[in-house]
Amino acid sequence: MKKIINYLSVFTLVLFLSNCDKSSTESTVDPLVGVWTWTSTTMTDGTSTYTETPSTGNTETVIMNQDGTSSFTFTSDGETTTGSGTWSTNSNKLTWIITFPGESSSTTLILDYSVSGNVFTGSIVSTIEGTEVTTTYTYTKS
């Protein structure tokens, strides 16, 4: 009988140890998933910087879903625009394809991004009238 108890104890210990490296709270949810509220946009052209922040009547909320779909609501000067889209990531690149209601085409944004805690930062470089401009968007997770 003592031998059976020893074998069962060893068997139980082996089962326990085989699951020790697997956290029961381990999350596979992408850090981008959630509701994000716009906090600022900064545009830099090398010689000057312009920063815009939310003001009364000027807000944006973006919802990134686990299944790679998204939606957003932007309000400016009392007018609200909504849209939807899809998103995916590859390394530090976020590809976000946005569609506005009533439009047959979509807009594709490819951003360098990072998420630190509850802050999302995404940057895109474009050329405007021959000048390279870096636009950085910052959102806070609600």
C-alpha atoms as a PDB file:
ATOM      1  CA  MET A   1       0.000   0.000   0.000  1.00  0.00           C
ATOM      2  CA  LYS A   2       2.844   2.369   0.830  1.00  0.00           C
ATOM      3  CA  LYS A   3       4.311   1.751  -2.638  1.00  0.00           C
ATOM      4  CA  ILE A   4       0.997   2.724  -4.313  1.00  0.00           C
ATOM      5  CA  ILE A   5       0.780   5.932  -2.294  1.00  0.00           C
ATOM      6  CA  ASN A   6       4.375   6.820  -3.274  1.00  0.00           C
ATOM      7  CA  TYR A   7       3.616   6.215  -6.980  1.00  0.00           C
ATOM      8  CA  LEU A   8       0.445   8.320  -6.775  1.00  0.00           C
ATOM      9  CA  SER A   9       2.365  11.087  -5.008  1.00  0.00           C
ATOM     10  CA  VAL A  10       5.052  11.093  -7.703  1.00  0.00           C
ATOM     11  CA  PHE A  11       2.412  11.009 -10.458  1.00  0.00           C
ATOM     12  CA  THR A  12       0.574  13.956  -8.877  1.00  0.00           C
ATOM     13  CA  LEU A  13       3.828  15.905  -8.496  1.00  0.00           C
ATOM     14  CA  VAL A  14       4.747  15.299 -12.150  1.00  0.00           C
ATOM     15  CA  LEU A  15       1.321  16.507 -13.302  1.00  0.00           C
ATOM     16  CA  PHE A  16       1.599  19.581 -11.101  1.00  0.00           C
ATOM     17  CA  LEU A  17       5.102  20.456 -12.322  1.00  0.00           C
ATOM     18  CA  SER A  18       4.184  19.945 -15.966  1.00  0.00           C
ATOM     19  CA  ASN A  19       1.682  22.790 -15.658  1.00  0.00           C
ATOM     20  CA  CYS A  20       3.819  25.144 -13.569  1.00  0.00           C
ATOM     21  CA  ASP A  21       5.167  27.028 -16.588  1.00  0.00           C
ATOM     22  CA  LYS A  22       1.651  27.739 -17.885  1.00  0.00           C
ATOM     23  CA  SER A  23       0.056  30.706 -16.220  1.00  0.00           C
ATOM     24  CA  SER A  24      -3.682  30.392 -15.761  1.00  0.00           C
ATOM     25  CA  THR A  25      -3.862  34.185 -16.074  1.00  0.00           C
ATOM     26  CA  GLU A  26      -1.643  34.302 -19.155  1.00  0.00           C
ATOM     27  CA  SER A  27      -3.309  36.476 -21.758  1.00  0.00           C
ATOM     28  CA  THR A  28      -3.234  36.070 -25.499  1.00  0.00           C
ATOM     29  CA  VAL A  29      -5.163  39.281 -26.097  1.00  0.00           C
ATOM     30  CA  ASP A  30      -3.278  41.775 -28.261  1.00  0.00           C
ATOM     31  CA  PRO A  31      -2.460  44.954 -26.291  1.00  0.00           C
ATOM     32  CA  LEU A  32      -4.199  47.000 -29.003  1.00  0.00           C
ATOM     33  CA  VAL A  33      -7.562  45.420 -28.217  1.00  0.00           C
ATOM     34  CA  GLY A  34      -9.789  47.826 -26.325  1.00  0.00           C
ATOM     35  CA  VAL A  35     -11.362  51.260 -26.356  1.00  0.00           C
ATOM     36  CA  TRP A  36      -8.904  54.087 -27.050  1.00  0.00           C
ATOM     37  CA  THR A  37      -9.486  57.805 -26.520  1.00  0.00           C
ATOM     38  CA  TRP A  38      -7.463  60.341 -28.498  1.00  0.00           C
ATOM     39  CA  THR A  39      -5.169  62.490 -26.342  1.00  0.00           C
ATOM     40  CA  SER A  40      -2.959  64.327 -28.862  1.00  0.00           C
ATOM     41  CA  THR A  41      -1.596  64.605 -32.380  1.00  0.00           C
ATOM     42  CA  THR A  42       1.824  66.099 -33.001  1.00  0.00           C
ATOM     43  CA  MET A  43       3.124  67.088 -36.428  1.00  0.00           C
ATOM     44  CA  THR A  44       6.841  67.779 -36.885  1.00  0.00           C
ATOM     45  CA  ASP A  45       8.446  68.952 -40.122  1.00  0.00           C
ATOM     46  CA  GLY A  46      12.032  69.252 -38.907  1.00  0.00           C
ATOM     47  CA  THR A  47      11.874  72.948 -38.093  1.00  0.00           C
ATOM     48  CA  SER A  48       8.567  73.317 -36.319  1.00  0.00           C
ATOM     49  CA  THR A  49       6.159  71.281 -34.224  1.00  0.00           C
ATOM     50  CA  TYR A  50       2.397  71.608 -33.960  1.00  0.00           C
ATOM     51  CA  THR A  51       0.409  69.741 -31.308  1.00  0.00           C
ATOM     52  CA  GLU A  52      -3.358  69.378 -31.201  1.00  0.00           C
ATOM     53  CA  THR A  53      -5.207  68.088 -28.149  1.00  0.00           C
ATOM     54  CA  PRO A  54      -8.887  67.362 -27.533  1.00  0.00           C
ATOM     55  CA  SER A  55     -11.053  70.314 -26.729  1.00  0.00           C
ATOM     56  CA  THR A  56     -14.730  70.653 -26.016  1.00  0.00           C
ATOM     57  CA  GLY A  57     -16.545  69.242 -29.014  1.00  0.00           C
ATOM     58  CA  ASN A  58     -13.362  67.754 -30.520  1.00  0.00           C
ATOM     59  CA  THR A  59     -12.956  64.102 -29.555  1.00  0.00           C
ATOM     60  CA  GLU A  60     -12.155  60.696 -31.025  1.00  0.00           C
ATOM     61  CA  THR A  61     -12.736  57.174 -29.756  1.00  0.00           C
ATOM     62  CA  VAL A  62     -11.361  54.085 -31.473  1.00  0.00           C
ATOM     63  CA  ILE A  63     -12.415  50.520 -30.685  1.00  0.00           C
ATOM     64  CA  MET A  64     -10.007  47.743 -31.679  1.00  0.00           C
ATOM     65  CA  ASN A  65     -11.612  44.303 -31.465  1.00  0.00           C
ATOM     66  CA  GLN A  66      -9.836  40.979 -30.895  1.00  0.00           C
ATOM     67  CA  ASP A  67     -11.067  39.669 -34.273  1.00  0.00           C
ATOM     68  CA  GLY A  68      -9.149  42.387 -36.176  1.00  0.00           C
ATOM     69  CA  THR A  69     -12.123  44.665 -36.789  1.00  0.00           C
ATOM     70  CA  SER A  70     -12.373  48.240 -35.587  1.00  0.00           C
ATOM     71  CA  SER A  71     -14.703  51.202 -35.381  1.00  0.00           C
ATOM     72  CA  PHE A  72     -14.263  54.854 -34.558  1.00  0.00           C
ATOM     73  CA  THR A  73     -16.232  57.969 -33.735  1.00  0.00           C
ATOM     74  CA  PHE A  74     -14.774  61.415 -34.367  1.00  0.00           C
ATOM     75  CA  THR A  75     -16.534  64.588 -33.293  1.00  0.00           C
ATOM     76  CA  SER A  76     -15.361  68.027 -34.375  1.00  0.00           C
ATOM     77  CA  ASP A  77     -17.264  71.296 -34.075  1.00  0.00           C
ATOM     78  CA  GLY A  78     -20.487  69.437 -33.321  1.00  0.00           C
ATOM     79  CA  GLU A  79     -20.273  67.146 -36.356  1.00  0.00           C
ATOM     80  CA  THR A  80     -19.776  63.422 -35.764  1.00  0.00           C
ATOM     81  CA  THR A  81     -18.156  61.034 -38.219  1.00  0.00           C
ATOM     82  CA  THR A  82     -18.113  57.293 -37.719  1.00  0.00           C
ATOM     83  CA  GLY A  83     -16.325  54.557 -39.563  1.00  0.00           C
ATOM     84  CA  SER A  84     -15.152  51.002 -39.395  1.00  0.00           C
ATOM     85  CA  GLY A  85     -12.221  48.995 -40.545  1.00  0.00           C
ATOM     86  CA  THR A  86      -9.806  46.173 -40.038  1.00  0.00           C
ATOM     87  CA  TRP A  87      -6.399  46.089 -38.426  1.00  0.00           C
ATOM     88  CA  SER A  88      -3.373  43.840 -38.156  1.00  0.00           C
ATOM     89  CA  THR A  89       0.144  44.088 -36.794  1.00  0.00           C
ATOM     90  CA  ASN A  90       3.521  42.846 -37.874  1.00  0.00           C
ATOM     91  CA  SER A  91       6.382  43.578 -35.485  1.00  0.00           C
ATOM     92  CA  ASN A  92       6.066  47.318 -34.697  1.00  0.00           C
ATOM     93  CA  LYS A  93       3.865  48.096 -37.740  1.00  0.00           C
ATOM     94  CA  LEU A  94       0.118  48.593 -37.481  1.00  0.00           C
ATOM     95  CA  THR A  95      -1.865  48.335 -40.716  1.00  0.00           C
ATOM     96  CA  TRP A  96      -5.292  49.916 -40.302  1.00  0.00           C
ATOM     97  CA  ILE A  97      -7.736  49.931 -43.206  1.00  0.00           C
ATOM     98  CA  ILE A  98     -10.500  52.477 -42.604  1.00  0.00           C
ATOM     99  CA  THR A  99     -13.844  52.785 -44.386  1.00  0.00           C
ATOM    100  CA  PHE A 100     -16.153  55.760 -43.974  1.00  0.00           C
ATOM    101  CA  PRO A 101     -19.928  55.311 -44.369  1.00  0.00           C
ATOM    102  CA  GLY A 102     -21.156  56.043 -47.869  1.00  0.00           C
ATOM    103  CA  GLU A 103     -17.705  55.698 -49.441  1.00  0.00           C
ATOM    104  CA  SER A 104     -16.834  52.798 -51.699  1.00  0.00           C
ATOM    105  CA  SER A 105     -13.074  53.059 -51.183  1.00  0.00           C
ATOM    106  CA  SER A 106     -11.032  52.698 -48.037  1.00  0.00           C
ATOM    107  CA  THR A 107      -7.946  54.393 -46.627  1.00  0.00           C
ATOM    108  CA  THR A 108      -4.940  52.354 -45.536  1.00  0.00           C
ATOM    109  CA  LEU A 109      -2.687  53.654 -42.777  1.00  0.00           C
ATOM    110  CA  ILE A 110       0.599  51.935 -41.932  1.00  0.00           C
ATOM    111  CA  LEU A 111       1.941  53.232 -38.644  1.00  0.00           C
ATOM    112  CA  ASP A 112       4.988  52.537 -36.530  1.00  0.00           C
ATOM    113  CA  TYR A 113       3.400  51.914 -33.155  1.00  0.00           C
ATOM    114  CA  SER A 114       3.975  51.022 -29.542  1.00  0.00           C
ATOM    115  CA  VAL A 115       1.783  50.329 -26.546  1.00  0.00           C
ATOM    116  CA  SER A 116       3.147  51.135 -23.112  1.00  0.00           C
ATOM    117  CA  GLY A 117       0.735  50.439 -20.288  1.00  0.00           C
ATOM    118  CA  ASN A 118      -2.483  52.164 -21.316  1.00  0.00           C
ATOM    119  CA  VAL A 119      -0.880  54.519 -23.868  1.00  0.00           C
ATOM    120  CA  PHE A 120      -0.830  53.868 -27.626  1.00  0.00           C
ATOM    121  CA  THR A 121       1.539  55.877 -29.821  1.00  0.00           C
ATOM    122  CA  GLY A 122       1.466  55.618 -33.599  1.00  0.00           C
ATOM    123  CA  SER A 123       3.605  57.552 -36.088  1.00  0.00           C
ATOM    124  CA  ILE A 124       3.508  57.987 -39.833  1.00  0.00           C
ATOM    125  CA  VAL A 125       5.906  59.872 -42.088  1.00  0.00           C
ATOM    126  CA  SER A 126       4.525  61.584 -45.175  1.00  0.00           C
ATOM    127  CA  THR A 127       5.625  64.249 -47.633  1.00  0.00           C
ATOM    128  CA  ILE A 128       3.530  67.412 -47.749  1.00  0.00           C
ATOM    129  CA  GLU A 129       4.452  70.014 -50.380  1.00  0.00           C
ATOM    130  CA  GLY A 130       7.973  68.579 -50.610  1.00  0.00           C
ATOM    131  CA  THR A 131       8.551  68.560 -46.854  1.00  0.00           C
ATOM    132  CA  GLU A 132       8.815  65.376 -44.793  1.00  0.00           C
ATOM    133  CA  VAL A 133       6.333  65.494 -41.933  1.00  0.00           C
ATOM    134  CA  THR A 134       6.111  63.060 -39.014  1.00  0.00           C
ATOM    135  CA  THR A 135       2.662  62.811 -37.469  1.00  0.00           C
ATOM    136  CA  THR A 136       2.392  61.097 -34.098  1.00  0.00           C
ATOM    137  CA  TYR A 137      -0.975  60.081 -32.658  1.00  0.00           C
ATOM    138  CA  THR A 138      -1.404  59.331 -28.963  1.00  0.00           C
ATOM    139  CA  TYR A 139      -4.394  57.532 -27.410  1.00  0.00           C
ATOM    140  CA  THR A 140      -5.177  56.378 -23.887  1.00  0.00           C
ATOM    141  CA  LYS A 141      -6.987  53.119 -23.202  1.00  0.00           C
ATOM    142  CA  SER A 142     -10.321  53.678 -21.474  1.00  0.00           C
END
